[in-house]
Amino acid sequence: MSLTNVLISLFRVRVKIGRSHGFEDKRSRHCPYLDTINRSVLDFDFEKLCSISLSHINVYACLICGKYFQGRGQKSHAYIHSVQFTHHVFLNLHTLKFYCLPDNYKIIDSSLEDVTYVLKPTFTKQHIAGLDKHGKLYRAYDGTTYLPGIVGLNNIKANDYANVVLQALSNVPPLRNYFLEEDNYCRIRRPPGDIMFLLVQRFGELMRKLWNPRNFKAHVSPHEMLQAVVLCSKKTFQITKQGDAVDFLSWFLNALHGALGGTKKKTSIISKVFQGSMRIFSKKLPHPDLPAEEKEALLLKAEYQEKMSESTFLYLTLDLPTAPLYKDEKEQLIIPQVPLFNILAKFNGNNEKEYKTYKENFLKRFQLTKLPPYLVFCIKRFTKNNFFVEKNPTIVNFPITNVDLREYLTEEAQATEKITTYDLVANIVHDGKPTEGSYRIHVLHHGTGKWYELQDLQVIDILPQMITLSEAYIQVCCSLLTFVIR
């Protein structure tokens, strides 16, 4: 081929490219197939992969049947689907652009904005600032009414232990506000190959879906979020196997803290919201089988003297008194009750408790030195041994408002902490047997001041008096001091 022919061919290719990118197809603003879109079948909560090739690359959603297909060129799965079933309108799940197949032209129409908003909700600073100031009900496309934030999460098989934790965290305003704005964390740099940042991205997406006022349905599926949890936890927490809500909360908060660039010294939104500090006084005990003379001699050594250390915490573990072994005179087991302040006495700096390891015993006492803006209590209901897991059914009597923790602070901290009073904002409950039970959560909606009970997809309002009768497992409390994240 001569040089002239080569130049002519290159020119034709250049003109073709210019036309495809520089000119708008006349049909783009007058697509005749927009009335075939079926919004009632659209569900963008699931993993974005092709239903045939299972590929994540270049995936399109068919807006007539809701299925995902790869590509839009000839011989692609989306193209074949459009010809076979005469489904013509597709949405690119990455670029958020609409196309008509098999004609392969871009669709431009403002009536499709609601579809892209459901796929990727966005929030302005003004919208976020007003979330807790009103209790307006919104109507989903399917006709059901709902309060943004008070939305059921789908229990795919046995993931209710994770659902309640995610719902509790979504109702912590500083944490919620941070994740509603993607700009707050999208520029955080992570090492190459680090998969933990996927947790941050998926949690942000879930948070925005839970608080979306323009949903097509009044519930959300946490499928993508839980897929990230399974991957990042190396299958420690699974969708198909029941887990422990406290174990998941502990892992999830620490994983988010690390993924956001937080360390022991460097803060993140997690540490700003939940992290407090305490003093731990620890004293090593001699082996109980030793003679009395040897015990006395050991206690004089420096190794067995009381030592003090400072430690931070994201939640406080509260120990329940031992449940009764015997039935009452009516042959029924007594369900004991204990006031919250009795089990909080663990942190008054005076109460000592023995802690056993596989070879050594320690006597420890605790005292708080700093209270976080949001305080999490984990009530230790389960004890494990080599044979089975046992659940303590003791009911904790707790006030919903005005829990004062000043007496559990050191004298120095009491002088600096202005407000030490907390109100309950979320209460996670475990019902049933240790291995076969289920989880539900009570959540306070700040805009209306009402309490709601959420269990999977079920959402009902509840009286505050009923909350105190439940077997509380995890509680999230908010400081009355106004907290502003900087």
Protein backbone atom coordinates (compact mmCIF):
# COMPACT_ATOMS: atom_id res chain seq x y z
CA MET A 1 0.00 0.00 0.00
CA SER A 2 1.34 3.41 -0.98
CA LEU A 3 1.94 6.21 1.53
CA THR A 4 -0.98 8.17 0.03
CA ASN A 5 -3.45 5.34 0.61
CA VAL A 6 -2.25 4.91 4.20
CA LEU A 7 -2.79 8.62 4.89
CA ILE A 8 -6.26 8.51 3.34
CA SER A 9 -7.19 5.50 5.53
CA LEU A 10 -5.94 7.26 8.67
CA PHE A 11 -7.93 10.36 7.73
CA ARG A 12 -11.13 8.33 7.31
CA VAL A 13 -10.64 6.66 10.70
CA ARG A 14 -10.03 10.08 12.29
CA VAL A 15 -13.20 11.54 10.74
CA LYS A 16 -15.22 8.51 11.90
CA ILE A 17 -13.95 8.91 15.46
CA GLY A 18 -14.67 12.62 15.37
CA ARG A 19 -18.22 12.07 14.24
CA SER A 20 -18.93 9.46 16.89
CA HIS A 21 -17.68 11.70 19.70
CA GLY A 22 -18.40 15.17 18.44
CA PHE A 23 -21.94 14.81 17.13
CA GLU A 24 -25.12 13.88 18.94
CA ASP A 25 -27.41 11.25 17.42
CA LYS A 26 -30.80 12.75 16.49
CA ARG A 27 -32.54 9.87 18.26
CA SER A 28 -30.76 10.53 21.63
CA ARG A 29 -33.41 12.98 22.89
CA HIS A 30 -36.39 11.24 21.30
CA CYS A 31 -35.95 7.58 22.19
CA PRO A 32 -39.26 5.77 21.56
CA TYR A 33 -38.58 3.05 24.16
CA LEU A 34 -38.50 5.05 27.40
CA ASP A 35 -42.05 3.97 28.28
CA THR A 36 -40.88 0.33 28.38
CA ILE A 37 -38.70 0.97 31.46
CA ASN A 38 -40.00 -1.00 34.46
CA ARG A 39 -38.80 0.73 37.64
CA SER A 40 -40.50 -1.83 39.90
CA VAL A 41 -37.97 -4.55 38.92
CA LEU A 42 -34.86 -2.40 39.25
CA ASP A 43 -32.61 -3.40 42.14
CA PHE A 44 -29.08 -1.99 42.29
CA ASP A 45 -28.21 -3.44 45.72
CA PHE A 46 -26.61 -6.61 44.36
CA GLU A 47 -23.11 -7.16 43.06
CA LYS A 48 -22.50 -5.52 39.67
CA LEU A 49 -21.60 -8.56 37.55
CA CYS A 50 -22.91 -9.98 34.29
CA SER A 51 -25.62 -12.61 34.81
CA ILE A 52 -24.11 -14.76 32.04
CA SER A 53 -20.32 -14.27 32.05
CA LEU A 54 -20.07 -13.26 35.76
CA SER A 55 -17.68 -10.49 34.72
CA HIS A 56 -17.38 -7.18 36.59
CA ILE A 57 -16.08 -5.33 33.52
CA ASN A 58 -18.32 -3.00 31.47
CA VAL A 59 -21.62 -4.16 33.00
CA TYR A 60 -24.98 -2.78 31.88
CA ALA A 61 -28.38 -3.07 33.57
CA CYS A 62 -31.42 -3.83 31.42
CA LEU A 63 -34.05 -1.35 32.59
CA ILE A 64 -36.91 -3.53 31.38
CA CYS A 65 -36.14 -6.77 33.29
CA GLY A 66 -33.48 -5.56 35.78
CA LYS A 67 -30.81 -8.13 34.79
CA TYR A 68 -27.12 -7.31 34.36
CA PHE A 69 -25.23 -7.98 31.12
CA GLN A 70 -21.73 -7.29 29.87
CA GLY A 71 -20.88 -5.00 26.93
CA ARG A 72 -23.02 -3.32 24.31
CA GLY A 73 -21.19 -4.12 21.06
CA GLN A 74 -22.30 -6.76 18.60
CA LYS A 75 -22.00 -10.34 19.96
CA SER A 76 -21.99 -8.95 23.55
CA HIS A 77 -24.43 -10.38 26.09
CA ALA A 78 -26.37 -7.10 26.39
CA TYR A 79 -26.69 -6.82 22.59
CA ILE A 80 -27.93 -10.42 22.23
CA HIS A 81 -30.40 -9.90 25.10
CA SER A 82 -31.82 -6.77 23.47
CA VAL A 83 -32.38 -8.58 20.15
CA GLN A 84 -33.74 -11.77 21.70
CA PHE A 85 -36.22 -10.17 24.12
CA THR A 86 -36.73 -6.75 22.44
CA HIS A 87 -35.45 -4.97 25.56
CA HIS A 88 -33.91 -1.74 24.34
CA VAL A 89 -32.92 0.57 27.25
CA PHE A 90 -29.70 -0.15 29.16
CA LEU A 91 -27.74 1.70 31.86
CA ASN A 92 -23.96 1.53 32.21
CA LEU A 93 -23.48 0.86 35.95
CA HIS A 94 -20.10 2.59 36.02
CA THR A 95 -20.53 5.69 33.83
CA LEU A 96 -24.28 6.11 34.65
CA LYS A 97 -25.04 6.67 30.95
CA PHE A 98 -28.08 5.27 29.14
CA TYR A 99 -28.02 3.51 25.77
CA CYS A 100 -30.52 2.09 23.32
CA LEU A 101 -29.67 -1.34 21.92
CA PRO A 102 -29.29 -2.78 19.34
CA ASP A 103 -29.25 0.68 17.67
CA ASN A 104 -26.36 1.61 19.99
CA TYR A 105 -27.01 5.30 20.57
CA LYS A 106 -26.81 7.26 23.82
CA ILE A 107 -30.11 8.30 25.44
CA ILE A 108 -30.35 11.81 26.89
CA ASP A 109 -33.51 12.44 28.91
CA SER A 110 -34.05 14.20 32.26
CA SER A 111 -36.82 11.74 33.23
CA LEU A 112 -34.13 9.08 33.85
CA GLU A 113 -32.45 11.09 36.63
CA ASP A 114 -34.41 9.21 39.31
CA VAL A 115 -32.87 5.92 38.12
CA THR A 116 -29.30 7.21 38.37
CA TYR A 117 -30.06 8.71 41.80
CA VAL A 118 -31.20 5.32 43.13
CA LEU A 119 -28.03 3.72 41.74
CA LYS A 120 -25.76 6.42 43.17
CA PRO A 121 -27.44 8.76 45.70
CA THR A 122 -25.68 12.03 46.49
CA PHE A 123 -26.13 14.40 49.43
CA THR A 124 -25.42 18.10 49.74
CA LYS A 125 -24.10 19.63 52.97
CA GLN A 126 -27.44 21.40 53.42
CA HIS A 127 -29.36 18.12 53.06
CA ILE A 128 -27.08 16.35 55.55
CA ALA A 129 -27.42 19.18 58.08
CA GLY A 130 -31.22 18.83 58.04
CA LEU A 131 -31.46 15.03 58.38
CA ASP A 132 -32.05 15.09 62.15
CA LYS A 133 -34.30 18.16 62.19
CA HIS A 134 -37.49 16.73 60.72
CA GLY A 135 -39.42 13.47 60.58
CA LYS A 136 -40.90 13.66 57.11
CA LEU A 137 -42.24 10.39 55.67
CA TYR A 138 -41.28 9.59 52.09
CA ARG A 139 -43.13 7.38 49.62
CA ALA A 140 -41.15 4.80 47.66
CA TYR A 141 -41.96 3.91 44.04
CA ASP A 142 -43.75 0.74 45.20
CA GLY A 143 -46.14 2.87 47.31
CA THR A 144 -44.78 2.12 50.78
CA THR A 145 -43.89 4.99 53.12
CA TYR A 146 -40.66 5.09 55.12
CA LEU A 147 -38.37 7.29 57.17
CA PRO A 148 -34.86 7.61 55.67
CA GLY A 149 -32.43 5.83 58.01
CA ILE A 150 -35.18 3.68 59.53
CA VAL A 151 -35.08 1.12 56.73
CA GLY A 152 -35.11 -2.67 56.88
CA LEU A 153 -32.07 -4.67 55.76
CA ASN A 154 -32.57 -7.93 53.90
CA ASN A 155 -31.50 -11.09 55.76
CA ILE A 156 -30.01 -13.07 52.88
CA LYS A 157 -29.63 -16.22 55.01
CA ALA A 158 -28.02 -15.72 58.42
CA ASN A 159 -26.57 -12.22 58.38
CA ASP A 160 -28.89 -10.54 60.91
CA TYR A 161 -25.92 -10.27 63.32
CA ALA A 162 -24.25 -7.91 60.83
CA ASN A 163 -27.47 -6.10 59.84
CA VAL A 164 -28.13 -4.82 63.37
CA VAL A 165 -24.57 -3.49 63.73
CA LEU A 166 -24.77 -1.71 60.36
CA GLN A 167 -28.15 -0.19 61.31
CA ALA A 168 -26.81 0.97 64.67
CA LEU A 169 -23.78 2.64 63.05
CA SER A 170 -25.97 4.27 60.39
CA ASN A 171 -27.84 6.09 63.17
CA VAL A 172 -24.72 7.66 64.70
CA PRO A 173 -24.94 11.16 63.12
CA PRO A 174 -21.22 12.14 62.97
CA LEU A 175 -20.29 8.77 61.44
CA ARG A 176 -23.27 8.87 59.07
CA ASN A 177 -22.53 12.43 57.94
CA TYR A 178 -18.91 11.50 57.19
CA PHE A 179 -19.86 8.58 54.94
CA LEU A 180 -22.74 10.34 53.20
CA GLU A 181 -20.16 12.61 51.54
CA GLU A 182 -17.86 10.48 49.41
CA ASP A 183 -15.36 13.35 49.12
CA ASN A 184 -14.46 12.84 52.80
CA TYR A 185 -12.66 9.56 52.12
CA CYS A 186 -12.30 9.04 48.35
CA ARG A 187 -8.83 10.67 48.27
CA ILE A 188 -7.32 8.52 51.03
CA ARG A 189 -4.28 6.73 49.64
CA ARG A 190 -3.78 3.05 50.43
CA PRO A 191 -0.88 0.71 49.55
CA PRO A 192 -1.18 -1.17 46.22
CA GLY A 193 -3.14 -4.41 46.57
CA ASP A 194 -4.83 -3.33 49.83
CA ILE A 195 -8.37 -4.75 49.81
CA MET A 196 -9.47 -3.26 53.14
CA PHE A 197 -10.46 0.07 51.56
CA LEU A 198 -13.26 -1.85 49.83
CA LEU A 199 -14.98 -1.90 53.24
CA VAL A 200 -14.97 1.90 53.35
CA GLN A 201 -16.40 2.21 49.83
CA ARG A 202 -19.14 -0.36 50.41
CA PHE A 203 -20.07 1.07 53.82
CA GLY A 204 -20.39 4.53 52.28
CA GLU A 205 -22.60 3.17 49.50
CA LEU A 206 -24.81 1.35 52.01
CA MET A 207 -25.09 4.45 54.20
CA ARG A 208 -26.25 6.57 51.27
CA LYS A 209 -28.82 3.96 50.26
CA LEU A 210 -30.21 3.73 53.80
CA TRP A 211 -30.67 7.50 53.94
CA ASN A 212 -31.88 7.93 50.35
CA PRO A 213 -35.23 9.81 50.36
CA ARG A 214 -35.98 8.72 46.77
CA ASN A 215 -35.74 4.93 46.98
CA PHE A 216 -37.79 2.69 44.70
CA LYS A 217 -38.52 0.40 47.67
CA ALA A 218 -38.61 0.80 51.44
CA HIS A 219 -35.82 -1.67 52.21
CA VAL A 220 -32.18 -2.22 51.24
CA SER A 221 -30.13 -5.36 50.60
CA PRO A 222 -26.62 -5.28 52.17
CA HIS A 223 -25.34 -7.86 49.65
CA GLU A 224 -22.34 -5.87 48.34
CA MET A 225 -21.41 -4.70 51.84
CA LEU A 226 -21.44 -8.26 53.17
CA GLN A 227 -19.48 -9.56 50.18
CA ALA A 228 -16.76 -7.08 51.15
CA VAL A 229 -16.96 -8.24 54.79
CA VAL A 230 -16.53 -11.90 53.78
CA LEU A 231 -13.54 -11.01 51.59
CA CYS A 232 -11.79 -8.63 54.01
CA SER A 233 -12.35 -10.82 57.08
CA LYS A 234 -11.06 -13.89 55.17
CA LYS A 235 -14.42 -15.64 55.73
CA THR A 236 -14.37 -15.11 59.51
CA PHE A 237 -17.79 -13.48 59.09
CA GLN A 238 -20.14 -15.01 56.53
CA ILE A 239 -23.55 -14.43 55.02
CA THR A 240 -24.68 -18.06 55.39
CA LYS A 241 -23.49 -18.68 58.96
CA GLN A 242 -24.73 -16.98 62.13
CA GLY A 243 -22.10 -14.87 63.87
CA ASP A 244 -21.65 -12.87 67.06
CA ALA A 245 -22.65 -9.20 66.82
CA VAL A 246 -19.98 -8.06 69.33
CA ASP A 247 -17.20 -9.89 67.47
CA PHE A 248 -18.38 -8.35 64.20
CA LEU A 249 -18.65 -4.84 65.72
CA SER A 250 -15.13 -5.06 67.16
CA TRP A 251 -13.61 -6.29 63.90
CA PHE A 252 -15.58 -3.85 61.73
CA LEU A 253 -14.69 -0.72 63.72
CA ASN A 254 -11.00 -1.64 63.84
CA ALA A 255 -10.97 -2.55 60.13
CA LEU A 256 -12.62 0.77 59.18
CA HIS A 257 -10.19 2.67 61.41
CA GLY A 258 -7.20 1.04 59.67
CA ALA A 259 -8.64 1.40 56.17
CA LEU A 260 -9.20 5.13 56.76
CA GLY A 261 -5.53 5.55 57.58
CA GLY A 262 -5.94 5.44 61.35
CA THR A 263 -3.29 4.02 63.69
CA LYS A 264 -2.71 4.03 67.46
CA LYS A 265 -1.46 7.62 67.18
CA LYS A 266 -3.22 8.84 64.03
CA THR A 267 -6.97 9.48 64.34
CA SER A 268 -9.84 8.65 61.99
CA ILE A 269 -13.57 9.30 62.12
CA ILE A 270 -13.92 6.00 64.05
CA SER A 271 -11.57 7.06 66.85
CA LYS A 272 -13.02 10.59 66.95
CA VAL A 273 -16.53 9.24 67.52
CA PHE A 274 -16.04 6.08 69.63
CA GLN A 275 -12.59 6.09 71.25
CA GLY A 276 -12.18 6.69 74.97
CA SER A 277 -9.37 5.81 77.37
CA MET A 278 -8.94 4.09 80.73
CA ARG A 279 -6.38 3.13 83.35
CA ILE A 280 -5.83 -0.56 83.98
CA PHE A 281 -4.39 -1.64 87.34
CA SER A 282 -3.05 -5.19 87.10
CA LYS A 283 -1.51 -7.44 89.75
CA LYS A 284 -0.14 -10.91 89.08
CA LEU A 285 -1.31 -13.67 91.45
CA PRO A 286 0.71 -16.70 92.58
CA HIS A 287 -0.49 -20.13 91.50
CA PRO A 288 -3.29 -21.25 93.86
CA ASP A 289 -1.72 -24.71 94.44
CA LEU A 290 1.50 -23.29 95.92
CA PRO A 291 2.09 -23.47 99.70
CA ALA A 292 1.19 -20.37 101.69
CA GLU A 293 4.84 -19.53 102.52
CA GLU A 294 5.84 -19.56 98.83
CA LYS A 295 2.85 -17.35 97.96
CA GLU A 296 3.86 -14.77 100.57
CA ALA A 297 7.45 -14.78 99.30
CA LEU A 298 6.33 -14.32 95.69
CA LEU A 299 4.01 -11.44 96.59
CA LEU A 300 7.02 -9.46 97.81
CA LYS A 301 8.73 -9.61 94.42
CA ALA A 302 8.43 -6.72 91.91
CA GLU A 303 6.81 -9.03 89.35
CA TYR A 304 3.79 -9.45 91.65
CA GLN A 305 3.31 -5.77 92.50
CA GLU A 306 0.42 -3.78 91.05
CA LYS A 307 1.17 -2.10 87.73
CA MET A 308 -0.74 0.68 86.04
CA SER A 309 -1.13 1.12 82.28
CA GLU A 310 -3.13 3.41 79.97
CA SER A 311 -5.29 1.93 77.25
CA THR A 312 -7.81 3.12 74.69
CA PHE A 313 -11.15 1.46 73.93
CA LEU A 314 -13.85 1.57 71.26
CA TYR A 315 -16.43 -0.11 73.50
CA LEU A 316 -16.78 -1.16 77.14
CA THR A 317 -17.51 -4.78 78.07
CA LEU A 318 -19.92 -5.18 80.99
CA ASP A 319 -19.96 -8.46 82.97
CA LEU A 320 -23.26 -9.93 84.14
CA PRO A 321 -23.64 -11.70 87.50
CA THR A 322 -23.91 -15.48 87.26
CA ALA A 323 -27.41 -16.70 86.40
CA PRO A 324 -29.17 -18.93 88.99
CA LEU A 325 -28.84 -22.68 88.48
CA TYR A 326 -31.98 -23.81 90.27
CA LYS A 327 -35.69 -23.33 89.63
CA ASP A 328 -38.03 -21.54 92.00
CA GLU A 329 -40.85 -23.16 94.00
CA LYS A 330 -43.10 -23.14 90.92
CA GLU A 331 -40.53 -25.17 88.97
CA GLN A 332 -39.72 -22.24 86.75
CA LEU A 333 -36.36 -20.69 86.13
CA ILE A 334 -35.98 -17.24 87.65
CA ILE A 335 -34.91 -14.57 85.17
CA PRO A 336 -32.71 -12.31 87.30
CA GLN A 337 -32.49 -8.55 86.88
CA VAL A 338 -29.58 -6.22 87.54
CA PRO A 339 -29.33 -2.39 87.39
CA LEU A 340 -26.97 -0.98 84.77
CA PHE A 341 -25.03 0.93 87.43
CA ASN A 342 -24.22 -2.33 89.26
CA ILE A 343 -22.35 -3.74 86.26
CA LEU A 344 -20.81 -0.33 85.50
CA ALA A 345 -19.13 -0.50 88.92
CA LYS A 346 -16.41 -2.52 87.17
CA PHE A 347 -14.96 0.84 86.09
CA ASN A 348 -15.04 2.72 89.41
CA GLY A 349 -11.35 2.02 90.10
CA ASN A 350 -12.07 0.01 93.27
CA ASN A 351 -13.75 -3.23 92.20
CA GLU A 352 -11.21 -5.97 91.51
CA LYS A 353 -11.81 -9.06 89.41
CA GLU A 354 -9.65 -12.09 88.73
CA TYR A 355 -8.78 -12.84 85.10
CA LYS A 356 -7.33 -16.22 84.19
CA THR A 357 -5.10 -17.12 81.27
CA TYR A 358 -3.89 -20.59 80.35
CA LYS A 359 -0.92 -20.35 82.76
CA GLU A 360 -1.24 -17.14 84.86
CA ASN A 361 -3.86 -15.33 86.94
CA PHE A 362 -4.21 -11.56 87.29
CA LEU A 363 -6.25 -9.29 89.53
CA LYS A 364 -7.44 -6.23 87.62
CA ARG A 365 -9.39 -3.03 88.21
CA PHE A 366 -10.33 -0.29 85.77
CA GLN A 367 -11.02 3.43 85.80
CA LEU A 368 -12.01 5.69 82.91
CA THR A 369 -9.85 8.69 81.99
CA LYS A 370 -11.68 9.98 78.88
CA LEU A 371 -15.24 9.55 77.61
CA PRO A 372 -15.97 9.47 73.85
CA PRO A 373 -18.81 11.41 72.18
CA TYR A 374 -20.57 8.08 71.50
CA LEU A 375 -20.14 5.33 74.07
CA VAL A 376 -20.76 1.67 73.20
CA PHE A 377 -21.62 -0.90 75.89
CA CYS A 378 -21.28 -4.63 75.12
CA ILE A 379 -23.05 -6.77 77.72
CA LYS A 380 -21.25 -10.11 77.99
CA ARG A 381 -24.07 -12.66 77.68
CA PHE A 382 -22.21 -15.61 76.22
CA THR A 383 -19.61 -17.83 77.88
CA LYS A 384 -17.77 -20.44 75.83
CA ASN A 385 -16.01 -23.59 76.93
CA ASN A 386 -14.72 -26.68 75.15
CA PHE A 387 -18.18 -28.22 74.84
CA PHE A 388 -20.89 -25.59 74.35
CA VAL A 389 -21.87 -21.93 74.45
CA GLU A 390 -24.01 -20.78 77.37
CA LYS A 391 -26.19 -17.66 77.41
CA ASN A 392 -26.90 -15.54 80.47
CA PRO A 393 -30.56 -14.37 80.32
CA THR A 394 -30.21 -11.66 83.00
CA ILE A 395 -32.25 -8.53 82.23
CA VAL A 396 -30.33 -5.28 82.60
CA ASN A 397 -32.44 -2.42 83.95
CA PHE A 398 -31.13 0.67 82.22
CA PRO A 399 -32.40 4.24 81.92
CA ILE A 400 -32.91 5.43 78.35
CA THR A 401 -31.86 8.99 79.14
CA ASN A 402 -29.46 10.78 81.50
CA VAL A 403 -26.94 8.02 82.30
CA ASP A 404 -24.28 9.89 84.31
CA LEU A 405 -20.79 8.34 84.24
CA ARG A 406 -18.92 10.98 86.25
CA GLU A 407 -18.23 8.68 89.23
CA TYR A 408 -16.35 6.23 86.94
CA LEU A 409 -13.79 8.86 85.90
CA THR A 410 -10.50 9.61 87.61
CA GLU A 411 -10.34 12.83 89.68
CA GLU A 412 -8.30 14.55 86.97
CA ALA A 413 -10.82 13.57 84.28
CA GLN A 414 -13.77 14.73 86.43
CA ALA A 415 -12.24 18.19 86.55
CA THR A 416 -11.82 18.42 82.76
CA GLU A 417 -14.93 16.60 81.46
CA LYS A 418 -17.78 19.13 81.35
CA ILE A 419 -20.67 16.82 80.48
CA THR A 420 -20.65 13.13 81.42
CA THR A 421 -24.31 12.33 80.76
CA TYR A 422 -25.45 10.00 77.96
CA ASP A 423 -28.71 9.11 76.21
CA LEU A 424 -29.42 5.77 74.54
CA VAL A 425 -29.72 5.94 70.72
CA ALA A 426 -29.50 2.25 69.70
CA ASN A 427 -30.12 -1.03 71.50
CA ILE A 428 -29.22 -4.41 69.93
CA VAL A 429 -31.07 -7.43 71.33
CA HIS A 430 -30.36 -11.16 71.04
CA ASP A 431 -33.36 -13.48 71.30
CA GLY A 432 -33.41 -17.25 71.65
CA LYS A 433 -30.71 -19.87 72.15
CA PRO A 434 -27.01 -19.01 71.84
CA THR A 435 -26.46 -20.81 68.53
CA GLU A 436 -29.97 -20.61 67.04
CA GLY A 437 -31.11 -17.16 68.14
CA SER A 438 -31.82 -14.01 66.15
CA TYR A 439 -31.01 -10.31 66.43
CA ARG A 440 -33.15 -7.20 66.37
CA ILE A 441 -32.44 -3.55 67.11
CA HIS A 442 -34.19 -0.58 68.69
CA VAL A 443 -33.26 2.75 67.10
CA LEU A 444 -34.09 6.33 68.08
CA HIS A 445 -35.08 8.54 65.14
CA HIS A 446 -33.70 11.97 66.04
CA GLY A 447 -36.10 13.92 63.83
CA THR A 448 -39.31 12.53 65.35
CA GLY A 449 -38.00 11.53 68.78
CA LYS A 450 -39.71 8.12 68.34
CA TRP A 451 -38.25 4.65 68.84
CA TYR A 452 -38.44 1.97 66.15
CA GLU A 453 -37.76 -1.76 66.23
CA LEU A 454 -36.04 -3.23 63.17
CA GLN A 455 -35.71 -6.95 62.52
CA ASP A 456 -34.56 -7.75 59.00
CA LEU A 457 -37.23 -6.18 56.71
CA GLN A 458 -39.75 -5.58 59.49
CA VAL A 459 -39.94 -2.03 60.87
CA ILE A 460 -42.41 -1.11 63.65
CA ASP A 461 -42.62 1.74 66.14
CA ILE A 462 -42.18 0.79 69.79
CA LEU A 463 -42.74 2.38 73.21
CA PRO A 464 -39.56 3.33 75.09
CA GLN A 465 -40.83 1.38 78.12
CA MET A 466 -40.68 -1.87 76.11
CA ILE A 467 -36.99 -1.44 75.29
CA THR A 468 -35.87 -1.91 78.90
CA LEU A 469 -37.54 -5.36 79.05
CA SER A 470 -35.34 -6.84 76.34
CA GLU A 471 -32.14 -8.88 76.63
CA ALA A 472 -29.85 -6.03 75.61
CA TYR A 473 -26.56 -7.11 74.04
CA ILE A 474 -25.04 -3.94 72.56
CA GLN A 475 -25.98 -0.36 73.42
CA VAL A 476 -24.90 2.86 71.73
CA CYS A 477 -25.20 6.01 73.84
CA CYS A 478 -24.79 9.63 72.78
CA SER A 479 -23.18 12.33 74.91
CA LEU A 480 -25.43 15.30 75.57
CA LEU A 481 -22.51 17.57 74.67
CA THR A 482 -22.93 18.76 71.06
CA PHE A 483 -20.31 16.98 69.01
CA VAL A 484 -18.91 18.54 65.85
CA ILE A 485 -16.46 16.66 63.62
CA ARG A 486 -13.69 18.88 62.31
